[in-house]
């Protein structure tokens, strides 16, 4: 990585600002870490991820139920 950064700095100092060297290839022993963790599927008890109904009456019932659940379980 140091050689990659040094090559970029040398190019900038020498006036070749449009050239960016190729990124270094990963080592064969390096591990790949996936930072995009998929979201957990929504469950009936998961109040934050619940899909609300488009029907206003049903949405009101859902929100009332959520409020009651949060009052009964304040830690969740």
PDB file of N, CA and C in Angstrom:
ATOM      1  N   UNK A   1       0.820  -1.177   0.000  1.00  0.00           N
ATOM      2  CA  UNK A   1       0.000   0.000   0.000  1.00  0.00           C
ATOM      3  C   UNK A   1       0.871   1.250   0.000  1.00  0.00           C
ATOM      4  N   UNK A   2       2.002   1.178   0.700  1.00  0.00           N
ATOM      5  CA  UNK A   2       2.894   2.330   0.736  1.00  0.00           C
ATOM      6  C   UNK A   2       3.413   2.660  -0.656  1.00  0.00           C
ATOM      7  N   UNK A   3       3.752   1.631  -1.419  1.00  0.00           N
ATOM      8  CA  UNK A   3       4.270   1.894  -2.769  1.00  0.00           C
ATOM      9  C   UNK A   3       3.190   2.510  -3.656  1.00  0.00           C
ATOM     10  N   UNK A   4       1.946   2.123  -3.459  1.00  0.00           N
ATOM     11  CA  UNK A   4       0.826   2.693  -4.219  1.00  0.00           C
ATOM     12  C   UNK A   4       0.683   4.184  -3.912  1.00  0.00           C
ATOM     13  N   UNK A   5       0.735   4.541  -2.644  1.00  0.00           N
ATOM     14  CA  UNK A   5       0.601   5.942  -2.245  1.00  0.00           C
ATOM     15  C   UNK A   5       1.816   6.741  -2.698  1.00  0.00           C
ATOM     16  N   UNK A   6       3.011   6.158  -2.570  1.00  0.00           N
ATOM     17  CA  UNK A   6       4.212   6.859  -3.018  1.00  0.00           C
ATOM     18  C   UNK A   6       4.177   7.115  -4.516  1.00  0.00           C
ATOM     19  N   UNK A   7       3.690   6.156  -5.294  1.00  0.00           N
ATOM     20  CA  UNK A   7       3.590   6.341  -6.739  1.00  0.00           C
ATOM     21  C   UNK A   7       2.618   7.473  -7.066  1.00  0.00           C
ATOM     22  N   UNK A   8       1.516   7.557  -6.339  1.00  0.00           N
ATOM     23  CA  UNK A   8       0.569   8.651  -6.568  1.00  0.00           C
ATOM     24  C   UNK A   8       1.195   9.999  -6.218  1.00  0.00           C
ATOM     25  N   UNK A   9       1.918  10.060  -5.108  1.00  0.00           N
ATOM     26  CA  UNK A   9       2.555  11.314  -4.710  1.00  0.00           C
ATOM     27  C   UNK A   9       3.635  11.726  -5.707  1.00  0.00           C
ATOM     28  N   UNK A  10       4.412  10.765  -6.183  1.00  0.00           N
ATOM     29  CA  UNK A  10       5.434  11.072  -7.184  1.00  0.00           C
ATOM     30  C   UNK A  10       4.804  11.608  -8.463  1.00  0.00           C
ATOM     31  N   UNK A  11       3.708  11.030  -8.881  1.00  0.00           N
ATOM     32  CA  UNK A  11       3.026  11.508 -10.085  1.00  0.00           C
ATOM     33  C   UNK A  11       2.508  12.932  -9.891  1.00  0.00           C
ATOM     34  N   UNK A  12       1.997  13.221  -8.706  1.00  0.00           N
ATOM     35  CA  UNK A  12       1.505  14.572  -8.434  1.00  0.00           C
ATOM     36  C   UNK A  12       2.647  15.587  -8.395  1.00  0.00           C
ATOM     37  N   UNK A  13       3.763  15.186  -7.839  1.00  0.00           N
ATOM     38  CA  UNK A  13       4.925  16.094  -7.774  1.00  0.00           C
ATOM     39  C   UNK A  13       5.518  16.350  -9.147  1.00  0.00           C
ATOM     40  N   UNK A  14       5.477  15.356 -10.021  1.00  0.00           N
ATOM     41  CA  UNK A  14       6.078  15.488 -11.349  1.00  0.00           C
ATOM     42  C   UNK A  14       5.131  16.108 -12.365  1.00  0.00           C
ATOM     43  N   UNK A  15       3.937  16.463 -11.956  1.00  0.00           N
ATOM     44  CA  UNK A  15       3.019  17.140 -12.855  1.00  0.00           C
ATOM     45  C   UNK A  15       2.087  16.218 -13.612  1.00  0.00           C
ATOM     46  N   UNK A  16       2.143  14.938 -13.411  1.00  0.00           N
ATOM     47  CA  UNK A  16       1.222  14.007 -14.080  1.00  0.00           C
ATOM     48  C   UNK A  16       0.020  13.781 -13.177  1.00  0.00           C
ATOM     49  N   UNK A  17      -0.877  14.727 -13.138  1.00  0.00           N
ATOM     50  CA  UNK A  17      -2.008  14.657 -12.215  1.00  0.00           C
ATOM     51  C   UNK A  17      -3.140  13.780 -12.725  1.00  0.00           C
ATOM     52  N   UNK A  18      -3.137  13.441 -13.994  1.00  0.00           N
ATOM     53  CA  UNK A  18      -4.238  12.642 -14.527  1.00  0.00           C
ATOM     54  C   UNK A  18      -3.975  11.147 -14.432  1.00  0.00           C
ATOM     55  N   UNK A  19      -2.786  10.760 -14.022  1.00  0.00           N
ATOM     56  CA  UNK A  19      -2.447   9.329 -13.952  1.00  0.00           C
ATOM     57  C   UNK A  19      -2.623   8.822 -12.531  1.00  0.00           C
ATOM     58  N   UNK A  20      -3.389   7.744 -12.405  1.00  0.00           N
ATOM     59  CA  UNK A  20      -3.551   7.072 -11.114  1.00  0.00           C
ATOM     60  C   UNK A  20      -3.096   5.631 -11.319  1.00  0.00           C
ATOM     61  N   UNK A  21      -2.104   5.190 -10.561  1.00  0.00           N
ATOM     62  CA  UNK A  21      -1.623   3.821 -10.736  1.00  0.00           C
ATOM     63  C   UNK A  21      -2.687   2.791 -10.366  1.00  0.00           C
ATOM     64  N   UNK A  22      -2.532   1.610 -10.891  1.00  0.00           N
ATOM     65  CA  UNK A  22      -3.485   0.538 -10.607  1.00  0.00           C
ATOM     66  C   UNK A  22      -3.439   0.189  -9.120  1.00  0.00           C
ATOM     67  N   UNK A  23      -4.589  -0.102  -8.517  1.00  0.00           N
ATOM     68  CA  UNK A  23      -4.574  -0.467  -7.091  1.00  0.00           C
ATOM     69  C   UNK A  23      -3.859  -1.786  -6.882  1.00  0.00           C
ATOM     70  N   UNK A  24      -3.275  -1.962  -5.715  1.00  0.00           N
ATOM     71  CA  UNK A  24      -2.562  -3.213  -5.459  1.00  0.00           C
ATOM     72  C   UNK A  24      -3.523  -4.398  -5.405  1.00  0.00           C
ATOM     73  N   UNK A  25      -3.013  -5.537  -5.840  1.00  0.00           N
ATOM     74  CA  UNK A  25      -3.832  -6.745  -5.811  1.00  0.00           C
ATOM     75  C   UNK A  25      -3.822  -7.328  -4.394  1.00  0.00           C
ATOM     76  N   UNK A  26      -4.932  -7.911  -3.959  1.00  0.00           N
ATOM     77  CA  UNK A  26      -4.966  -8.473  -2.609  1.00  0.00           C
ATOM     78  C   UNK A  26      -4.095  -9.721  -2.505  1.00  0.00           C
ATOM     79  N   UNK A  27      -3.638  -9.948  -1.307  1.00  0.00           N
ATOM     80  CA  UNK A  27      -2.842 -11.151  -1.072  1.00  0.00           C
ATOM     81  C   UNK A  27      -3.745 -12.371  -1.144  1.00  0.00           C
ATOM     82  N   UNK A  28      -3.166 -13.496  -1.460  1.00  0.00           N
ATOM     83  CA  UNK A  28      -3.951 -14.728  -1.540  1.00  0.00           C
ATOM     84  C   UNK A  28      -4.415 -15.176  -0.166  1.00  0.00           C
ATOM     85  N   UNK A  29      -3.715 -14.764   0.875  1.00  0.00           N
ATOM     86  CA  UNK A  29      -4.075 -15.187   2.231  1.00  0.00           C
ATOM     87  C   UNK A  29      -5.014 -14.204   2.921  1.00  0.00           C
ATOM     88  N   UNK A  30      -5.315 -13.076   2.267  1.00  0.00           N
ATOM     89  CA  UNK A  30      -6.167 -12.088   2.922  1.00  0.00           C
ATOM     90  C   UNK A  30      -7.628 -12.523   2.891  1.00  0.00           C
ATOM     91  N   UNK A  31      -8.368 -12.117   3.921  1.00  0.00           N
ATOM     92  CA  UNK A  31      -9.772 -12.476   4.031  1.00  0.00           C
ATOM     93  C   UNK A  31     -10.632 -11.372   3.436  1.00  0.00           C
ATOM     94  N   UNK A  32     -11.748 -11.745   2.881  1.00  0.00           N
ATOM     95  CA  UNK A  32     -12.707 -10.785   2.356  1.00  0.00           C
ATOM     96  C   UNK A  32     -13.779 -10.564   3.411  1.00  0.00           C
ATOM     97  N   UNK A  33     -14.014  -9.285   3.746  1.00  0.00           N
ATOM     98  CA  UNK A  33     -15.011  -8.939   4.755  1.00  0.00           C
ATOM     99  C   UNK A  33     -16.150  -8.228   4.053  1.00  0.00           C
ATOM    100  N   UNK A  34     -17.336  -8.768   4.173  1.00  0.00           N
ATOM    101  CA  UNK A  34     -18.513  -8.147   3.575  1.00  0.00           C
ATOM    102  C   UNK A  34     -19.101  -7.179   4.586  1.00  0.00           C
ATOM    103  N   UNK A  35     -19.027  -5.873   4.279  1.00  0.00           N
ATOM    104  CA  UNK A  35     -19.514  -4.862   5.201  1.00  0.00           C
ATOM    105  C   UNK A  35     -21.000  -4.583   5.031  1.00  0.00           C
ATOM    106  N   UNK A  36     -21.584  -5.071   3.955  1.00  0.00           N
ATOM    107  CA  UNK A  36     -23.016  -4.878   3.720  1.00  0.00           C
ATOM    108  C   UNK A  36     -23.785  -6.054   4.312  1.00  0.00           C
ATOM    109  N   UNK A  37     -24.078  -5.943   5.587  1.00  0.00           N
ATOM    110  CA  UNK A  37     -24.793  -7.003   6.285  1.00  0.00           C
ATOM    111  C   UNK A  37     -26.273  -6.905   5.909  1.00  0.00           C
ATOM    112  N   UNK A  38     -26.864  -7.993   5.451  1.00  0.00           N
ATOM    113  CA  UNK A  38     -28.281  -7.925   5.094  1.00  0.00           C
ATOM    114  C   UNK A  38     -29.150  -7.700   6.330  1.00  0.00           C
ATOM    115  N   UNK A  39     -30.210  -6.971   6.134  1.00  0.00           N
ATOM    116  CA  UNK A  39     -31.121  -6.686   7.236  1.00  0.00           C
ATOM    117  C   UNK A  39     -31.880  -7.950   7.622  1.00  0.00           C
ATOM    118  N   UNK A  40     -32.171  -8.053   8.903  1.00  0.00           N
ATOM    119  CA  UNK A  40     -32.941  -9.198   9.379  1.00  0.00           C
ATOM    120  C   UNK A  40     -34.377  -9.086   8.867  1.00  0.00           C
ATOM    121  N   UNK A  41     -34.990 -10.202   8.529  1.00  0.00           N
ATOM    122  CA  UNK A  41     -36.374 -10.134   8.054  1.00  0.00           C
ATOM    123  C   UNK A  41     -37.303  -9.621   9.150  1.00  0.00           C
ATOM    124  N   UNK A  42     -38.286  -8.863   8.744  1.00  0.00           N
ATOM    125  CA  UNK A  42     -39.236  -8.294   9.697  1.00  0.00           C
ATOM    126  C   UNK A  42     -40.140  -9.380  10.262  1.00  0.00           C
ATOM    127  N   UNK A  43     -40.387  -9.294  11.558  1.00  0.00           N
ATOM    128  CA  UNK A  43     -41.288 -10.238  12.216  1.00  0.00           C
ATOM    129  C   UNK A  43     -42.489  -9.465  12.752  1.00  0.00           C
ATOM    130  N   UNK A  44     -43.475 -10.201  13.194  1.00  0.00           N
ATOM    131  CA  UNK A  44     -44.686  -9.557  13.708  1.00  0.00           C
ATOM    132  C   UNK A  44     -44.395  -8.750  14.968  1.00  0.00           C
ATOM    133  N   UNK A  45     -43.411  -9.159  15.748  1.00  0.00           N
ATOM    134  CA  UNK A  45     -43.104  -8.439  16.985  1.00  0.00           C
ATOM    135  C   UNK A  45     -42.101  -7.311  16.772  1.00  0.00           C
ATOM    136  N   UNK A  46     -41.546  -7.199  15.577  1.00  0.00           N
ATOM    137  CA  UNK A  46     -40.594  -6.136  15.262  1.00  0.00           C
ATOM    138  C   UNK A  46     -41.366  -4.882  14.870  1.00  0.00           C
ATOM    139  N   UNK A  47     -41.575  -3.989  15.819  1.00  0.00           N
ATOM    140  CA  UNK A  47     -42.433  -2.836  15.597  1.00  0.00           C
ATOM    141  C   UNK A  47     -41.785  -1.800  14.689  1.00  0.00           C
ATOM    142  N   UNK A  48     -40.459  -1.713  14.684  1.00  0.00           N
ATOM    143  CA  UNK A  48     -39.787  -0.701  13.875  1.00  0.00           C
ATOM    144  C   UNK A  48     -39.819  -1.040  12.383  1.00  0.00           C
ATOM    145  N   UNK A  49     -39.853  -2.314  12.049  1.00  0.00           N
ATOM    146  CA  UNK A  49     -39.822  -2.711  10.639  1.00  0.00           C
ATOM    147  C   UNK A  49     -41.183  -3.166  10.125  1.00  0.00           C
ATOM    148  N   UNK A  50     -42.214  -2.931  10.878  1.00  0.00           N
ATOM    149  CA  UNK A  50     -43.536  -3.381  10.461  1.00  0.00           C
ATOM    150  C   UNK A  50     -44.034  -2.537   9.293  1.00  0.00           C
ATOM    151  N   UNK A  51     -44.576  -3.190   8.284  1.00  0.00           N
ATOM    152  CA  UNK A  51     -45.140  -2.478   7.144  1.00  0.00           C
ATOM    153  C   UNK A  51     -46.556  -2.057   7.492  1.00  0.00           C
ATOM    154  N   UNK A  52     -46.780  -0.746   7.464  1.00  0.00           N
ATOM    155  CA  UNK A  52     -48.089  -0.226   7.819  1.00  0.00           C
ATOM    156  C   UNK A  52     -49.047  -0.348   6.643  1.00  0.00           C
ATOM    157  N   UNK A  53     -50.298  -0.550   6.959  1.00  0.00           N
ATOM    158  CA  UNK A  53     -51.348  -0.694   5.961  1.00  0.00           C
ATOM    159  C   UNK A  53     -51.622   0.640   5.267  1.00  0.00           C
ATOM    160  N   UNK A  54     -52.113   0.578   4.034  1.00  0.00           N
ATOM    161  CA  UNK A  54     -52.506   1.789   3.317  1.00  0.00           C
ATOM    162  C   UNK A  54     -53.895   2.261   3.736  1.00  0.00           C
ATOM    163  N   UNK A  55     -54.654   1.366   4.332  1.00  0.00           N
ATOM    164  CA  UNK A  55     -55.980   1.710   4.829  1.00  0.00           C
ATOM    165  C   UNK A  55     -55.827   2.524   6.119  1.00  0.00           C
ATOM    166  N   UNK A  56     -56.390   3.743   6.174  1.00  0.00           N
ATOM    167  CA  UNK A  56     -56.191   4.592   7.362  1.00  0.00           C
ATOM    168  C   UNK A  56     -56.696   3.966   8.661  1.00  0.00           C
ATOM    169  N   UNK A  57     -57.814   3.255   8.617  1.00  0.00           N
ATOM    170  CA  UNK A  57     -58.344   2.637   9.846  1.00  0.00           C
ATOM    171  C   UNK A  57     -57.430   1.519  10.327  1.00  0.00           C
ATOM    172  N   UNK A  58     -56.974   0.703   9.382  1.00  0.00           N
ATOM    173  CA  UNK A  58     -56.086  -0.398   9.752  1.00  0.00           C
ATOM    174  C   UNK A  58     -54.744   0.150  10.248  1.00  0.00           C
ATOM    175  N   UNK A  59     -54.242   1.209   9.626  1.00  0.00           N
ATOM    176  CA  UNK A  59     -52.995   1.830  10.060  1.00  0.00           C
ATOM    177  C   UNK A  59     -53.132   2.364  11.492  1.00  0.00           C
ATOM    178  N   UNK A  60     -54.279   2.946  11.804  1.00  0.00           N
ATOM    179  CA  UNK A  60     -54.527   3.451  13.156  1.00  0.00           C
ATOM    180  C   UNK A  60     -54.513   2.303  14.159  1.00  0.00           C
ATOM    181  N   UNK A  61     -55.126   1.184  13.790  1.00  0.00           N
ATOM    182  CA  UNK A  61     -55.119   0.008  14.674  1.00  0.00           C
ATOM    183  C   UNK A  61     -53.692  -0.504  14.880  1.00  0.00           C
ATOM    184  N   UNK A  62     -52.908  -0.541  13.802  1.00  0.00           N
ATOM    185  CA  UNK A  62     -51.528  -1.008  13.912  1.00  0.00           C
ATOM    186  C   UNK A  62     -50.713  -0.097  14.828  1.00  0.00           C
ATOM    187  N   UNK A  63     -50.856   1.209  14.650  1.00  0.00           N
ATOM    188  CA  UNK A  63     -50.091   2.146  15.469  1.00  0.00           C
ATOM    189  C   UNK A  63     -50.525   2.103  16.927  1.00  0.00           C
ATOM    190  N   UNK A  64     -51.830   1.922  17.172  1.00  0.00           N
ATOM    191  CA  UNK A  64     -52.311   1.775  18.549  1.00  0.00           C
ATOM    192  C   UNK A  64     -51.731   0.521  19.191  1.00  0.00           C
ATOM    193  N   UNK A  65     -51.715  -0.569  18.432  1.00  0.00           N
ATOM    194  CA  UNK A  65     -51.159  -1.822  18.940  1.00  0.00           C
ATOM    195  C   UNK A  65     -49.673  -1.667  19.245  1.00  0.00           C
ATOM    196  N   UNK A  66     -48.954  -0.963  18.360  1.00  0.00           N
ATOM    197  CA  UNK A  66     -47.529  -0.729  18.600  1.00  0.00           C
ATOM    198  C   UNK A  66     -47.322   0.085  19.873  1.00  0.00           C
ATOM    199  N   UNK A  67     -48.138   1.118  20.064  1.00  0.00           N
ATOM    200  CA  UNK A  67     -48.005   1.945  21.257  1.00  0.00           C
ATOM    201  C   UNK A  67     -48.257   1.123  22.522  1.00  0.00           C
ATOM    202  N   UNK A  68     -49.256   0.235  22.483  1.00  0.00           N
ATOM    203  CA  UNK A  68     -49.535  -0.612  23.643  1.00  0.00           C
ATOM    204  C   UNK A  68     -48.379  -1.564  23.909  1.00  0.00           C
ATOM    205  N   UNK A  69     -47.807  -2.125  22.838  1.00  0.00           N
ATOM    206  CA  UNK A  69     -46.687  -3.055  22.995  1.00  0.00           C
ATOM    207  C   UNK A  69     -45.470  -2.341  23.582  1.00  0.00           C
ATOM    208  N   UNK A  70     -45.217  -1.120  23.137  1.00  0.00           N
ATOM    209  CA  UNK A  70     -44.067  -0.380  23.654  1.00  0.00           C
ATOM    210  C   UNK A  70     -44.261   0.007  25.118  1.00  0.00           C
ATOM    211  N   UNK A  71     -45.517   0.268  25.528  1.00  0.00           N
ATOM    212  CA  UNK A  71     -45.781   0.578  26.931  1.00  0.00           C
ATOM    213  C   UNK A  71     -45.596  -0.651  27.812  1.00  0.00           C
ATOM    214  N   UNK A  72     -45.972  -1.836  27.283  1.00  0.00           N
ATOM    215  CA  UNK A  72     -45.836  -3.060  28.056  1.00  0.00           C
ATOM    216  C   UNK A  72     -44.395  -3.520  28.103  1.00  0.00           C
ATOM    217  N   UNK A  73     -43.631  -3.269  27.034  1.00  0.00           N
ATOM    218  CA  UNK A  73     -42.230  -3.705  26.946  1.00  0.00           C
ATOM    219  C   UNK A  73     -41.354  -2.486  26.666  1.00  0.00           C
ATOM    220  N   UNK A  74     -41.075  -1.634  27.653  1.00  0.00           N
ATOM    221  CA  UNK A  74     -40.341  -0.391  27.375  1.00  0.00           C
ATOM    222  C   UNK A  74     -38.889  -0.620  26.964  1.00  0.00           C
ATOM    223  N   UNK A  75     -38.306  -1.752  27.258  1.00  0.00           N
ATOM    224  CA  UNK A  75     -36.915  -2.012  26.900  1.00  0.00           C
ATOM    225  C   UNK A  75     -36.724  -2.433  25.463  1.00  0.00           C
ATOM    226  N   UNK A  76     -37.786  -2.725  24.742  1.00  0.00           N
ATOM    227  CA  UNK A  76     -37.670  -3.212  23.359  1.00  0.00           C
ATOM    228  C   UNK A  76     -37.981  -2.159  22.370  1.00  0.00           C
TER     229      UNK A  76
END
